[in-house]
Amino acid sequence: MSTLINVEVVFGTLESQQLVSVSMLSGSTVADALEMSKIGAAFPDADIASMPTGIWGRPVERDQTLVDGDRVEIYRELEIDPKESRRLRALD
């Protein structure tokens, strides 16, 4: 008998953030969660299919199996390197 797990899928830009909760069968993958969440529809200008993913801040491949309570994160490219940002703020 298959059991259901609950996971969250999150993505954000500077202008908007989205968190989608999905219930799926145990044994589902990151790719399955991304598809079920339909989060890409909220960000039509973002190429979510090519962006790296992670679970709770740890980078993972899309074939990673999920467990109940996982938070799938989609990582966009940084606008500016954090070290560079701190350096620029220090100059002000």
N, C-alpha and C. Protein backbone atom coordinates (compact mmCIF):
# COMPACT_ATOMS: atom_id res chain seq x y z
N MET A 1 0.83 -1.18 0.00
CA MET A 1 0.00 0.00 0.00
C MET A 1 0.89 1.25 0.00
N SER A 2 0.60 2.18 -0.89
CA SER A 2 1.36 3.43 -0.97
C SER A 2 0.84 4.43 0.05
N THR A 3 1.77 5.17 0.62
CA THR A 3 1.38 6.21 1.56
C THR A 3 1.61 7.57 0.94
N LEU A 4 0.88 8.55 1.43
CA LEU A 4 1.04 9.91 0.94
C LEU A 4 2.05 10.66 1.80
N ILE A 5 2.82 11.52 1.14
CA ILE A 5 3.72 12.42 1.85
C ILE A 5 3.34 13.85 1.47
N ASN A 6 3.64 14.78 2.33
CA ASN A 6 3.38 16.19 2.08
C ASN A 6 4.72 16.92 1.97
N VAL A 7 4.88 17.66 0.88
CA VAL A 7 6.10 18.44 0.67
C VAL A 7 5.72 19.85 0.24
N GLU A 8 6.66 20.75 0.37
CA GLU A 8 6.49 22.12 -0.09
C GLU A 8 7.47 22.37 -1.23
N VAL A 9 7.03 23.16 -2.21
CA VAL A 9 7.89 23.59 -3.30
C VAL A 9 7.93 25.11 -3.24
N VAL A 10 9.14 25.68 -3.24
CA VAL A 10 9.28 27.13 -3.12
C VAL A 10 10.18 27.70 -4.21
N PHE A 11 9.82 28.92 -4.63
CA PHE A 11 10.63 29.65 -5.59
C PHE A 11 10.30 31.12 -5.42
N GLY A 12 11.28 31.96 -5.68
CA GLY A 12 11.02 33.38 -5.57
C GLY A 12 11.94 34.20 -6.43
N THR A 13 11.45 35.38 -6.75
CA THR A 13 12.25 36.40 -7.42
C THR A 13 12.27 37.60 -6.49
N LEU A 14 12.88 38.68 -6.90
CA LEU A 14 12.88 39.88 -6.07
C LEU A 14 11.47 40.43 -5.91
N GLU A 15 10.63 40.20 -6.90
CA GLU A 15 9.29 40.77 -6.89
C GLU A 15 8.24 39.86 -6.26
N SER A 16 8.44 38.55 -6.32
CA SER A 16 7.38 37.63 -5.91
C SER A 16 7.96 36.32 -5.40
N GLN A 17 7.29 35.76 -4.42
CA GLN A 17 7.68 34.44 -3.90
C GLN A 17 6.43 33.55 -3.91
N GLN A 18 6.65 32.25 -4.05
CA GLN A 18 5.53 31.30 -4.06
C GLN A 18 5.94 30.06 -3.29
N LEU A 19 5.03 29.59 -2.44
CA LEU A 19 5.19 28.34 -1.72
C LEU A 19 3.94 27.52 -2.02
N VAL A 20 4.15 26.30 -2.54
CA VAL A 20 3.05 25.43 -2.90
C VAL A 20 3.19 24.12 -2.13
N SER A 21 2.15 23.74 -1.42
CA SER A 21 2.13 22.46 -0.71
C SER A 21 1.49 21.41 -1.61
N VAL A 22 2.12 20.24 -1.70
CA VAL A 22 1.56 19.15 -2.49
C VAL A 22 1.60 17.85 -1.69
N SER A 23 0.58 17.04 -1.91
CA SER A 23 0.54 15.69 -1.35
C SER A 23 0.82 14.74 -2.50
N MET A 24 1.73 13.81 -2.27
CA MET A 24 2.12 12.89 -3.34
C MET A 24 2.45 11.53 -2.75
N LEU A 25 2.58 10.55 -3.63
CA LEU A 25 2.88 9.20 -3.18
C LEU A 25 4.30 9.08 -2.68
N SER A 26 4.48 8.31 -1.65
CA SER A 26 5.80 8.00 -1.14
C SER A 26 6.64 7.44 -2.29
N GLY A 27 7.88 7.84 -2.37
CA GLY A 27 8.75 7.40 -3.45
C GLY A 27 8.82 8.41 -4.59
N SER A 28 8.06 9.50 -4.49
CA SER A 28 8.09 10.54 -5.51
C SER A 28 9.41 11.30 -5.45
N THR A 29 9.75 11.95 -6.54
CA THR A 29 11.03 12.65 -6.67
C THR A 29 10.83 14.16 -6.69
N VAL A 30 11.96 14.87 -6.65
CA VAL A 30 11.94 16.32 -6.78
C VAL A 30 11.26 16.71 -8.08
N ALA A 31 11.58 16.04 -9.17
CA ALA A 31 10.97 16.34 -10.47
C ALA A 31 9.45 16.16 -10.40
N ASP A 32 8.99 15.12 -9.72
CA ASP A 32 7.55 14.90 -9.56
C ASP A 32 6.90 16.06 -8.81
N ALA A 33 7.56 16.51 -7.76
CA ALA A 33 7.02 17.61 -6.95
C ALA A 33 6.93 18.90 -7.77
N LEU A 34 7.97 19.17 -8.56
CA LEU A 34 7.96 20.37 -9.40
C LEU A 34 6.81 20.32 -10.39
N GLU A 35 6.59 19.16 -10.97
CA GLU A 35 5.51 19.00 -11.94
C GLU A 35 4.15 19.15 -11.26
N MET A 36 3.97 18.49 -10.13
CA MET A 36 2.68 18.53 -9.44
C MET A 36 2.36 19.93 -8.90
N SER A 37 3.37 20.66 -8.49
CA SER A 37 3.13 21.99 -7.90
C SER A 37 2.71 23.01 -8.95
N LYS A 38 3.10 22.79 -10.20
CA LYS A 38 2.83 23.74 -11.28
C LYS A 38 3.37 25.14 -10.95
N ILE A 39 4.44 25.19 -10.18
CA ILE A 39 5.00 26.47 -9.74
C ILE A 39 5.55 27.27 -10.92
N GLY A 40 5.96 26.59 -11.96
CA GLY A 40 6.48 27.28 -13.13
C GLY A 40 5.46 28.20 -13.78
N ALA A 41 4.17 27.86 -13.65
CA ALA A 41 3.12 28.69 -14.24
C ALA A 41 3.06 30.08 -13.60
N ALA A 42 3.47 30.18 -12.35
CA ALA A 42 3.46 31.47 -11.65
C ALA A 42 4.65 32.35 -12.06
N PHE A 43 5.63 31.75 -12.71
CA PHE A 43 6.85 32.47 -13.12
C PHE A 43 7.16 32.15 -14.58
N PRO A 44 6.32 32.61 -15.51
CA PRO A 44 6.51 32.23 -16.92
C PRO A 44 7.83 32.71 -17.53
N ASP A 45 8.44 33.74 -16.96
CA ASP A 45 9.71 34.24 -17.50
C ASP A 45 10.92 33.49 -16.97
N ALA A 46 10.73 32.65 -15.96
CA ALA A 46 11.84 31.90 -15.37
C ALA A 46 11.96 30.53 -16.04
N ASP A 47 13.17 30.13 -16.34
CA ASP A 47 13.42 28.81 -16.93
C ASP A 47 13.66 27.81 -15.80
N ILE A 48 12.59 27.50 -15.09
CA ILE A 48 12.68 26.64 -13.91
C ILE A 48 13.24 25.26 -14.26
N ALA A 49 12.98 24.78 -15.47
CA ALA A 49 13.46 23.46 -15.87
C ALA A 49 14.98 23.35 -15.84
N SER A 50 15.68 24.46 -15.98
CA SER A 50 17.15 24.41 -16.00
C SER A 50 17.79 24.89 -14.71
N MET A 51 16.99 25.33 -13.75
CA MET A 51 17.54 25.86 -12.50
C MET A 51 17.89 24.73 -11.53
N PRO A 52 18.93 24.93 -10.73
CA PRO A 52 19.28 23.92 -9.72
C PRO A 52 18.20 23.83 -8.64
N THR A 53 18.16 22.67 -7.98
CA THR A 53 17.18 22.44 -6.93
C THR A 53 17.89 21.96 -5.66
N GLY A 54 17.15 22.07 -4.56
CA GLY A 54 17.69 21.59 -3.29
C GLY A 54 16.55 21.21 -2.36
N ILE A 55 16.92 20.59 -1.26
CA ILE A 55 15.97 20.25 -0.20
C ILE A 55 16.54 20.85 1.08
N TRP A 56 15.79 21.76 1.67
CA TRP A 56 16.21 22.42 2.90
C TRP A 56 17.64 22.98 2.81
N GLY A 57 17.96 23.64 1.69
CA GLY A 57 19.26 24.28 1.55
C GLY A 57 20.40 23.40 1.10
N ARG A 58 20.12 22.14 0.85
CA ARG A 58 21.14 21.19 0.40
C ARG A 58 20.88 20.85 -1.07
N PRO A 59 21.82 21.19 -1.97
CA PRO A 59 21.60 20.91 -3.38
C PRO A 59 21.37 19.42 -3.64
N VAL A 60 20.39 19.12 -4.49
CA VAL A 60 20.07 17.74 -4.87
C VAL A 60 19.72 17.69 -6.35
N GLU A 61 19.82 16.50 -6.91
CA GLU A 61 19.40 16.28 -8.28
C GLU A 61 17.88 16.09 -8.31
N ARG A 62 17.31 16.23 -9.47
CA ARG A 62 15.85 16.11 -9.59
C ARG A 62 15.33 14.69 -9.43
N ASP A 63 16.21 13.70 -9.46
CA ASP A 63 15.77 12.32 -9.25
C ASP A 63 15.83 11.91 -7.78
N GLN A 64 16.15 12.87 -6.90
CA GLN A 64 16.20 12.62 -5.46
C GLN A 64 14.81 12.25 -4.95
N THR A 65 14.71 11.16 -4.20
CA THR A 65 13.45 10.75 -3.61
C THR A 65 13.13 11.63 -2.41
N LEU A 66 11.87 12.00 -2.28
CA LEU A 66 11.43 12.88 -1.20
C LEU A 66 10.87 12.09 -0.03
N VAL A 67 10.92 12.71 1.14
CA VAL A 67 10.28 12.15 2.33
C VAL A 67 9.30 13.19 2.86
N ASP A 68 8.39 12.74 3.70
CA ASP A 68 7.38 13.63 4.25
C ASP A 68 8.02 14.82 4.95
N GLY A 69 7.52 16.02 4.64
CA GLY A 69 8.02 17.23 5.27
C GLY A 69 9.14 17.93 4.53
N ASP A 70 9.62 17.36 3.42
CA ASP A 70 10.69 18.00 2.66
C ASP A 70 10.22 19.33 2.09
N ARG A 71 11.18 20.24 1.92
CA ARG A 71 10.94 21.53 1.29
C ARG A 71 11.83 21.60 0.07
N VAL A 72 11.24 21.51 -1.10
CA VAL A 72 11.97 21.55 -2.37
C VAL A 72 12.17 23.02 -2.75
N GLU A 73 13.41 23.39 -2.96
CA GLU A 73 13.74 24.77 -3.29
C GLU A 73 14.32 24.84 -4.70
N ILE A 74 13.92 25.87 -5.43
CA ILE A 74 14.44 26.11 -6.77
C ILE A 74 15.36 27.33 -6.66
N TYR A 75 16.60 27.17 -7.09
CA TYR A 75 17.60 28.22 -6.92
C TYR A 75 17.81 28.99 -8.22
N ARG A 76 17.64 30.30 -8.14
CA ARG A 76 17.91 31.15 -9.29
C ARG A 76 19.32 31.70 -9.18
N GLU A 77 19.84 32.19 -10.27
CA GLU A 77 21.18 32.77 -10.26
C GLU A 77 21.17 34.04 -9.42
N LEU A 78 22.22 34.25 -8.65
CA LEU A 78 22.32 35.44 -7.82
C LEU A 78 22.51 36.68 -8.69
N GLU A 79 21.89 37.76 -8.27
CA GLU A 79 22.06 39.04 -8.96
C GLU A 79 23.47 39.58 -8.74
N ILE A 80 23.98 39.37 -7.53
CA ILE A 80 25.32 39.85 -7.17
C ILE A 80 25.89 38.89 -6.12
N ASP A 81 27.18 38.67 -6.18
CA ASP A 81 27.85 37.82 -5.21
C ASP A 81 27.73 38.44 -3.82
N PRO A 82 27.37 37.67 -2.79
CA PRO A 82 27.22 38.22 -1.44
C PRO A 82 28.46 38.94 -0.93
N LYS A 83 29.63 38.42 -1.25
CA LYS A 83 30.87 39.09 -0.81
C LYS A 83 31.01 40.46 -1.47
N GLU A 84 30.68 40.52 -2.74
CA GLU A 84 30.76 41.79 -3.46
C GLU A 84 29.73 42.78 -2.90
N SER A 85 28.55 42.29 -2.57
CA SER A 85 27.52 43.14 -2.00
C SER A 85 27.98 43.75 -0.68
N ARG A 86 28.60 42.96 0.19
CA ARG A 86 29.12 43.47 1.46
C ARG A 86 30.22 44.50 1.23
N ARG A 87 31.08 44.22 0.26
CA ARG A 87 32.16 45.15 -0.05
C ARG A 87 31.60 46.49 -0.52
N LEU A 88 30.59 46.45 -1.37
CA LEU A 88 30.00 47.69 -1.87
C LEU A 88 29.30 48.47 -0.75
N ARG A 89 28.63 47.76 0.16
CA ARG A 89 27.98 48.44 1.28
C ARG A 89 29.03 49.08 2.19
N ALA A 90 30.16 48.45 2.35
CA ALA A 90 31.22 48.99 3.23
C ALA A 90 31.81 50.28 2.65
N LEU A 91 31.74 50.42 1.33
CA LEU A 91 32.27 51.63 0.70
C LEU A 91 31.36 52.82 0.89
N ASP A 92 30.08 52.59 1.17
CA ASP A 92 29.12 53.71 1.34
C ASP A 92 29.32 54.44 2.63
